[in-house]
PDB file of all heavy atoms in Angstrom:
ATOM      1  N   LEU A   1      99.462-143.443-197.499  1.00  0.00           N
ATOM      2  CA  LEU A   1     100.454-143.811-198.512  1.00  0.00           C
ATOM      3  C   LEU A   1     101.077-142.568-199.152  1.00  0.00           C
ATOM      4  O   LEU A   1     102.277-142.562-199.470  1.00  0.00           O
ATOM      5  CB  LEU A   1      99.821-144.712-199.569  1.00  0.00           C
ATOM      6  CG  LEU A   1      99.471-146.129-199.075  1.00  0.00           C
ATOM      7  CD1 LEU A   1      98.689-146.895-200.134  1.00  0.00           C
ATOM      8  CD2 LEU A   1     100.723-146.904-198.686  1.00  0.00           C
ATOM      9  N   LYS A   2     100.277-141.522-199.328  1.00  0.00           N
ATOM     10  CA  LYS A   2     100.826-140.266-199.853  1.00  0.00           C
ATOM     11  C   LYS A   2     101.851-139.688-198.881  1.00  0.00           C
ATOM     12  O   LYS A   2     102.932-139.229-199.283  1.00  0.00           O
ATOM     13  CB  LYS A   2      99.705-139.267-200.104  1.00  0.00           C
ATOM     14  CG  LYS A   2      98.911-139.543-201.374  1.00  0.00           C
ATOM     15  CD  LYS A   2      97.622-138.742-201.447  1.00  0.00           C
ATOM     16  CE  LYS A   2      97.842-137.273-201.540  1.00  0.00           C
ATOM     17  NZ  LYS A   2      96.563-136.525-201.686  1.00  0.00           N
ATOM     18  N   MET A   3     101.528-139.721-197.580  1.00  0.00           N
ATOM     19  CA  MET A   3     102.462-139.219-196.572  1.00  0.00           C
ATOM     20  C   MET A   3     103.741-140.051-196.527  1.00  0.00           C
ATOM     21  O   MET A   3     104.815-139.554-196.176  1.00  0.00           O
ATOM     22  CB  MET A   3     101.799-139.204-195.198  1.00  0.00           C
ATOM     23  CG  MET A   3     100.770-138.091-195.010  1.00  0.00           C
ATOM     24  SD  MET A   3     100.192-137.931-193.307  1.00  0.00           S
ATOM     25  CE  MET A   3      99.196-139.416-193.125  1.00  0.00           C
ATOM     26  N   GLU A   4     103.605-141.337-196.902  1.00  0.00           N
ATOM     27  CA  GLU A   4     104.769-142.223-196.923  1.00  0.00           C
ATOM     28  C   GLU A   4     105.574-142.079-198.212  1.00  0.00           C
ATOM     29  O   GLU A   4     106.558-142.789-198.429  1.00  0.00           O
ATOM     30  CB  GLU A   4     104.314-143.677-196.762  1.00  0.00           C
ATOM     31  CG  GLU A   4     103.730-144.009-195.395  1.00  0.00           C
ATOM     32  CD  GLU A   4     104.792-144.031-194.305  1.00  0.00           C
ATOM     33  OE1 GLU A   4     105.962-144.337-194.615  1.00  0.00           O
ATOM     34  OE2 GLU A   4     104.454-143.738-193.141  1.00  0.00           O
ATOM     35  N   GLY A   5     105.141-141.162-199.094  1.00  0.00           N
ATOM     36  CA  GLY A   5     105.901-140.864-200.296  1.00  0.00           C
ATOM     37  C   GLY A   5     105.488-141.600-201.547  1.00  0.00           C
ATOM     38  O   GLY A   5     106.173-141.534-202.578  1.00  0.00           O
ATOM     39  N   PHE A   6     104.340-142.287-201.505  1.00  0.00           N
ATOM     40  CA  PHE A   6     103.889-143.034-202.677  1.00  0.00           C
ATOM     41  C   PHE A   6     103.072-142.138-203.610  1.00  0.00           C
ATOM     42  O   PHE A   6     102.284-141.305-203.152  1.00  0.00           O
ATOM     43  CB  PHE A   6     103.061-144.242-202.260  1.00  0.00           C
ATOM     44  CG  PHE A   6     103.864-145.371-201.695  1.00  0.00           C
ATOM     45  CD1 PHE A   6     104.199-145.395-200.352  1.00  0.00           C
ATOM     46  CD2 PHE A   6     104.321-146.392-202.516  1.00  0.00           C
ATOM     47  CE1 PHE A   6     104.960-146.428-199.826  1.00  0.00           C
ATOM     48  CE2 PHE A   6     105.087-147.430-202.006  1.00  0.00           C
ATOM     49  CZ  PHE A   6     105.415-147.447-200.653  1.00  0.00           C
ATOM     50  N   LYS A   7     103.268-142.340-204.910  1.00  0.00           N
ATOM     51  CA  LYS A   7     102.510-141.592-205.906  1.00  0.00           C
ATOM     52  C   LYS A   7     101.168-142.271-206.122  1.00  0.00           C
ATOM     53  O   LYS A   7     101.112-143.449-206.484  1.00  0.00           O
ATOM     54  CB  LYS A   7     103.281-141.518-207.228  1.00  0.00           C
ATOM     55  CG  LYS A   7     102.516-140.802-208.341  1.00  0.00           C
ATOM     56  CD  LYS A   7     103.346-140.700-209.603  1.00  0.00           C
ATOM     57  CE  LYS A   7     102.521-140.146-210.769  1.00  0.00           C
ATOM     58  NZ  LYS A   7     101.892-138.845-210.461  1.00  0.00           N
ATOM     59  N   ILE A   8     100.082-141.535-205.909  1.00  0.00           N
ATOM     60  CA  ILE A   8      98.728-142.058-206.068  1.00  0.00           C
ATOM     61  C   ILE A   8      98.133-141.517-207.364  1.00  0.00           C
ATOM     62  O   ILE A   8      98.130-140.296-207.601  1.00  0.00           O
ATOM     63  CB  ILE A   8      97.833-141.648-204.872  1.00  0.00           C
ATOM     64  CG1 ILE A   8      98.474-142.059-203.543  1.00  0.00           C
ATOM     65  CG2 ILE A   8      96.440-142.247-205.029  1.00  0.00           C
ATOM     66  CD1 ILE A   8      98.669-143.540-203.357  1.00  0.00           C
ATOM     67  N   VAL A   9      97.649-142.385-208.201  1.00  0.00           N
ATOM     68  CA  VAL A   9      97.044-141.974-209.468  1.00  0.00           C
ATOM     69  C   VAL A   9      95.821-141.103-209.183  1.00  0.00           C
ATOM     70  O   VAL A   9      94.976-141.453-208.350  1.00  0.00           O
ATOM     71  CB  VAL A   9      96.647-143.210-210.309  1.00  0.00           C
ATOM     72  CG1 VAL A   9      95.877-142.782-211.562  1.00  0.00           C
ATOM     73  CG2 VAL A   9      97.890-144.001-210.694  1.00  0.00           C
ATOM     74  N   THR A  10      95.724-139.966-209.850  1.00  0.00           N
ATOM     75  CA  THR A  10      94.723-138.892-209.668  1.00  0.00           C
ATOM     76  C   THR A  10      94.898-138.177-208.332  1.00  0.00           C
ATOM     77  O   THR A  10      94.102-137.318-207.975  1.00  0.00           O
ATOM     78  CB  THR A  10      93.249-139.360-209.793  1.00  0.00           C
ATOM     79  OG1 THR A  10      92.853-140.046-208.599  1.00  0.00           O
ATOM     80  CG2 THR A  10      93.014-140.242-211.004  1.00  0.00           C
ATOM     81  N   ASN A  11      95.937-138.540-207.581  1.00  0.00           N
ATOM     82  CA  ASN A  11      96.259-137.888-206.306  1.00  0.00           C
ATOM     83  C   ASN A  11      95.181-138.062-205.245  1.00  0.00           C
ATOM     84  O   ASN A  11      95.081-137.280-204.298  1.00  0.00           O
ATOM     85  CB  ASN A  11      96.539-136.387-206.505  1.00  0.00           C
ATOM     86  CG  ASN A  11      97.325-135.797-205.344  1.00  0.00           C
ATOM     87  OD1 ASN A  11      98.222-136.441-204.810  1.00  0.00           O
ATOM     88  ND2 ASN A  11      96.980-134.587-204.945  1.00  0.00           N
ATOM     89  N   GLY A  12      94.331-139.076-205.404  1.00  0.00           N
ATOM     90  CA  GLY A  12      93.301-139.307-204.400  1.00  0.00           C
ATOM     91  C   GLY A  12      92.255-140.298-204.875  1.00  0.00           C
ATOM     92  O   GLY A  12      92.428-140.985-205.878  1.00  0.00           O
ATOM     93  N   THR A  13      91.136-140.344-204.153  1.00  0.00           N
ATOM     94  CA  THR A  13      90.037-141.248-204.509  1.00  0.00           C
ATOM     95  C   THR A  13      88.712-140.680-204.038  1.00  0.00           C
ATOM     96  O   THR A  13      88.647-139.974-203.029  1.00  0.00           O
ATOM     97  CB  THR A  13      90.256-142.643-203.891  1.00  0.00           C
ATOM     98  OG1 THR A  13      89.164-143.496-204.271  1.00  0.00           O
ATOM     99  CG2 THR A  13      90.317-142.590-202.373  1.00  0.00           C
ATOM    100  N   ASP A  14      87.654-140.990-204.790  1.00  0.00           N
ATOM    101  CA  ASP A  14      86.282-140.640-204.401  1.00  0.00           C
ATOM    102  C   ASP A  14      85.469-141.868-204.041  1.00  0.00           C
ATOM    103  O   ASP A  14      84.328-141.753-203.625  1.00  0.00           O
ATOM    104  CB  ASP A  14      85.556-139.939-205.567  1.00  0.00           C
ATOM    105  CG  ASP A  14      86.207-138.632-205.966  1.00  0.00           C
ATOM    106  OD1 ASP A  14      86.716-137.927-205.078  1.00  0.00           O
ATOM    107  OD2 ASP A  14      86.212-138.316-207.176  1.00  0.00           O
ATOM    108  N   ASN A  15      86.051-143.050-204.260  1.00  0.00           N
ATOM    109  CA  ASN A  15      85.242-144.250-204.101  1.00  0.00           C
ATOM    110  C   ASN A  15      85.926-145.306-203.228  1.00  0.00           C
ATOM    111  O   ASN A  15      86.508-144.974-202.205  1.00  0.00           O
ATOM    112  CB  ASN A  15      84.833-144.812-205.477  1.00  0.00           C
ATOM    113  CG  ASN A  15      86.025-145.077-206.394  1.00  0.00           C
ATOM    114  OD1 ASN A  15      87.121-145.400-205.944  1.00  0.00           O
ATOM    115  ND2 ASN A  15      85.799-144.961-207.689  1.00  0.00           N
ATOM    116  N   HIS A  16      85.888-146.548-203.641  1.00  0.00           N
ATOM    117  CA  HIS A  16      86.346-147.669-202.832  1.00  0.00           C
ATOM    118  C   HIS A  16      87.750-148.139-203.149  1.00  0.00           C
ATOM    119  O   HIS A  16      88.229-149.091-202.542  1.00  0.00           O
ATOM    120  CB  HIS A  16      85.398-148.853-203.047  1.00  0.00           C
ATOM    121  CG  HIS A  16      85.412-149.357-204.462  1.00  0.00           C
ATOM    122  ND1 HIS A  16      85.056-148.559-205.533  1.00  0.00           N
ATOM    123  CD2 HIS A  16      85.763-150.557-205.006  1.00  0.00           C
ATOM    124  CE1 HIS A  16      85.183-149.244-206.651  1.00  0.00           C
ATOM    125  NE2 HIS A  16      85.609-150.463-206.364  1.00  0.00           N
ATOM    126  N   LEU A  17      88.401-147.493-204.108  1.00  0.00           N
ATOM    127  CA  LEU A  17      89.703-147.991-204.537  1.00  0.00           C
ATOM    128  C   LEU A  17      90.686-146.862-204.787  1.00  0.00           C
ATOM    129  O   LEU A  17      90.314-145.696-204.946  1.00  0.00           O
ATOM    130  CB  LEU A  17      89.565-148.869-205.781  1.00  0.00           C
ATOM    131  CG  LEU A  17      89.074-148.232-207.087  1.00  0.00           C
ATOM    132  CD1 LEU A  17      90.204-147.570-207.866  1.00  0.00           C
ATOM    133  CD2 LEU A  17      88.412-149.278-207.982  1.00  0.00           C
ATOM    134  N   LEU A  18      91.960-147.240-204.806  1.00  0.00           N
ATOM    135  CA  LEU A  18      93.014-146.315-205.189  1.00  0.00           C
ATOM    136  C   LEU A  18      94.075-147.064-205.968  1.00  0.00           C
ATOM    137  O   LEU A  18      94.235-148.275-205.815  1.00  0.00           O
ATOM    138  CB  LEU A  18      93.642-145.635-203.968  1.00  0.00           C
ATOM    139  CG  LEU A  18      94.154-146.533-202.850  1.00  0.00           C
ATOM    140  CD1 LEU A  18      95.451-145.967-202.273  1.00  0.00           C
ATOM    141  CD2 LEU A  18      93.112-146.585-201.717  1.00  0.00           C
ATOM    142  N   LEU A  19      94.762-146.330-206.828  1.00  0.00           N
ATOM    143  CA  LEU A  19      95.849-146.901-207.622  1.00  0.00           C
ATOM    144  C   LEU A  19      97.165-146.311-207.155  1.00  0.00           C
ATOM    145  O   LEU A  19      97.295-145.088-207.038  1.00  0.00           O
ATOM    146  CB  LEU A  19      95.654-146.576-209.104  1.00  0.00           C
ATOM    147  CG  LEU A  19      94.548-147.312-209.865  1.00  0.00           C
ATOM    148  CD1 LEU A  19      94.472-146.780-211.294  1.00  0.00           C
ATOM    149  CD2 LEU A  19      94.805-148.802-209.880  1.00  0.00           C
ATOM    150  N   VAL A  20      98.128-147.179-206.881  1.00  0.00           N
ATOM    151  CA  VAL A  20      99.444-146.752-206.432  1.00  0.00           C
ATOM    152  C   VAL A  20     100.446-147.003-207.547  1.00  0.00           C
ATOM    153  O   VAL A  20     100.579-148.130-208.030  1.00  0.00           O
ATOM    154  CB  VAL A  20      99.882-147.513-205.159  1.00  0.00           C
ATOM    155  CG1 VAL A  20     101.214-146.972-204.653  1.00  0.00           C
ATOM    156  CG2 VAL A  20      98.809-147.415-204.079  1.00  0.00           C
ATOM    157  N   ASP A  21     101.152-145.951-207.956  1.00  0.00           N
ATOM    158  CA  ASP A  21     102.199-146.082-208.965  1.00  0.00           C
ATOM    159  C   ASP A  21     103.474-146.519-208.247  1.00  0.00           C
ATOM    160  O   ASP A  21     104.271-145.691-207.795  1.00  0.00           O
ATOM    161  CB  ASP A  21     102.405-144.755-209.691  1.00  0.00           C
ATOM    162  CG  ASP A  21     103.374-144.867-210.867  1.00  0.00           C
ATOM    163  OD1 ASP A  21     104.222-145.776-210.852  1.00  0.00           O
ATOM    164  OD2 ASP A  21     103.278-144.035-211.782  1.00  0.00           O
ATOM    165  N   THR A  22     103.664-147.820-208.124  1.00  0.00           N
ATOM    166  CA  THR A  22     104.825-148.342-207.401  1.00  0.00           C
ATOM    167  C   THR A  22     106.123-148.138-208.185  1.00  0.00           C
ATOM    168  O   THR A  22     107.195-147.999-207.589  1.00  0.00           O
ATOM    169  CB  THR A  22     104.653-149.841-207.097  1.00  0.00           C
ATOM    170  OG1 THR A  22     104.333-150.541-208.312  1.00  0.00           O
ATOM    171  CG2 THR A  22     103.542-150.055-206.088  1.00  0.00           C
ATOM    172  N   LYS A  23     106.032-148.107-209.487  1.00  0.00           N
ATOM    173  CA  LYS A  23     107.231-147.956-210.319  1.00  0.00           C
ATOM    174  C   LYS A  23     107.876-146.594-210.083  1.00  0.00           C
ATOM    175  O   LYS A  23     109.086-146.504-209.844  1.00  0.00           O
ATOM    176  CB  LYS A  23     106.854-148.125-211.790  1.00  0.00           C
ATOM    177  CG  LYS A  23     108.056-148.264-212.721  1.00  0.00           C
ATOM    178  CD  LYS A  23     108.792-149.566-212.513  1.00  0.00           C
ATOM    179  CE  LYS A  23     109.906-149.758-213.533  1.00  0.00           C
ATOM    180  NZ  LYS A  23     110.704-150.965-213.267  1.00  0.00           N
ATOM    181  N   LYS A  24     107.069-145.535-210.128  1.00  0.00           N
ATOM    182  CA  LYS A  24     107.604-144.196-209.913  1.00  0.00           C
ATOM    183  C   LYS A  24     107.915-143.944-208.437  1.00  0.00           C
ATOM    184  O   LYS A  24     108.803-143.167-208.102  1.00  0.00           O
ATOM    185  CB  LYS A  24     106.627-143.140-210.428  1.00  0.00           C
ATOM    186  CG  LYS A  24     106.612-142.996-211.935  1.00  0.00           C
ATOM    187  CD  LYS A  24     105.751-141.841-212.382  1.00  0.00           C
ATOM    188  CE  LYS A  24     105.791-141.703-213.907  1.00  0.00           C
ATOM    189  NZ  LYS A  24     104.903-140.603-214.388  1.00  0.00           N
ATOM    190  N   SER A  25     107.181-144.608-207.564  1.00  0.00           N
ATOM    191  CA  SER A  25     107.353-144.369-206.127  1.00  0.00           C
ATOM    192  C   SER A  25     108.623-145.009-205.581  1.00  0.00           C
ATOM    193  O   SER A  25     109.419-144.352-204.884  1.00  0.00           O
ATOM    194  CB  SER A  25     106.145-144.913-205.357  1.00  0.00           C
ATOM    195  OG  SER A  25     104.950-144.284-205.763  1.00  0.00           O
ATOM    196  N   ILE A  26     108.818-146.308-205.870  1.00  0.00           N
ATOM    197  CA  ILE A  26     109.950-147.029-205.285  1.00  0.00           C
ATOM    198  C   ILE A  26     110.690-147.908-206.295  1.00  0.00           C
ATOM    199  O   ILE A  26     111.492-148.760-205.912  1.00  0.00           O
ATOM    200  CB  ILE A  26     109.491-147.902-204.091  1.00  0.00           C
ATOM    201  CG1 ILE A  26     108.332-148.823-204.516  1.00  0.00           C
ATOM    202  CG2 ILE A  26     109.099-147.048-202.900  1.00  0.00           C
ATOM    203  CD1 ILE A  26     107.916-149.809-203.445  1.00  0.00           C
ATOM    204  N   GLY A  27     110.403-147.707-207.587  1.00  0.00           N
ATOM    205  CA  GLY A  27     111.096-148.476-208.615  1.00  0.00           C
ATOM    206  C   GLY A  27     110.710-149.937-208.670  1.00  0.00           C
ATOM    207  O   GLY A  27     111.461-150.779-209.177  1.00  0.00           O
TER     208      GLY A  27
END
C-alpha cells in the first residue's frame, strides 16, 4: 500500500494491523 502511494499511520506496523489514512491518500 505504501508503494501504491497510500499514507500509513506510523509508516509501518509491528503487529497484526495497519491504519491507512485514506483521506490524505486519495481524498
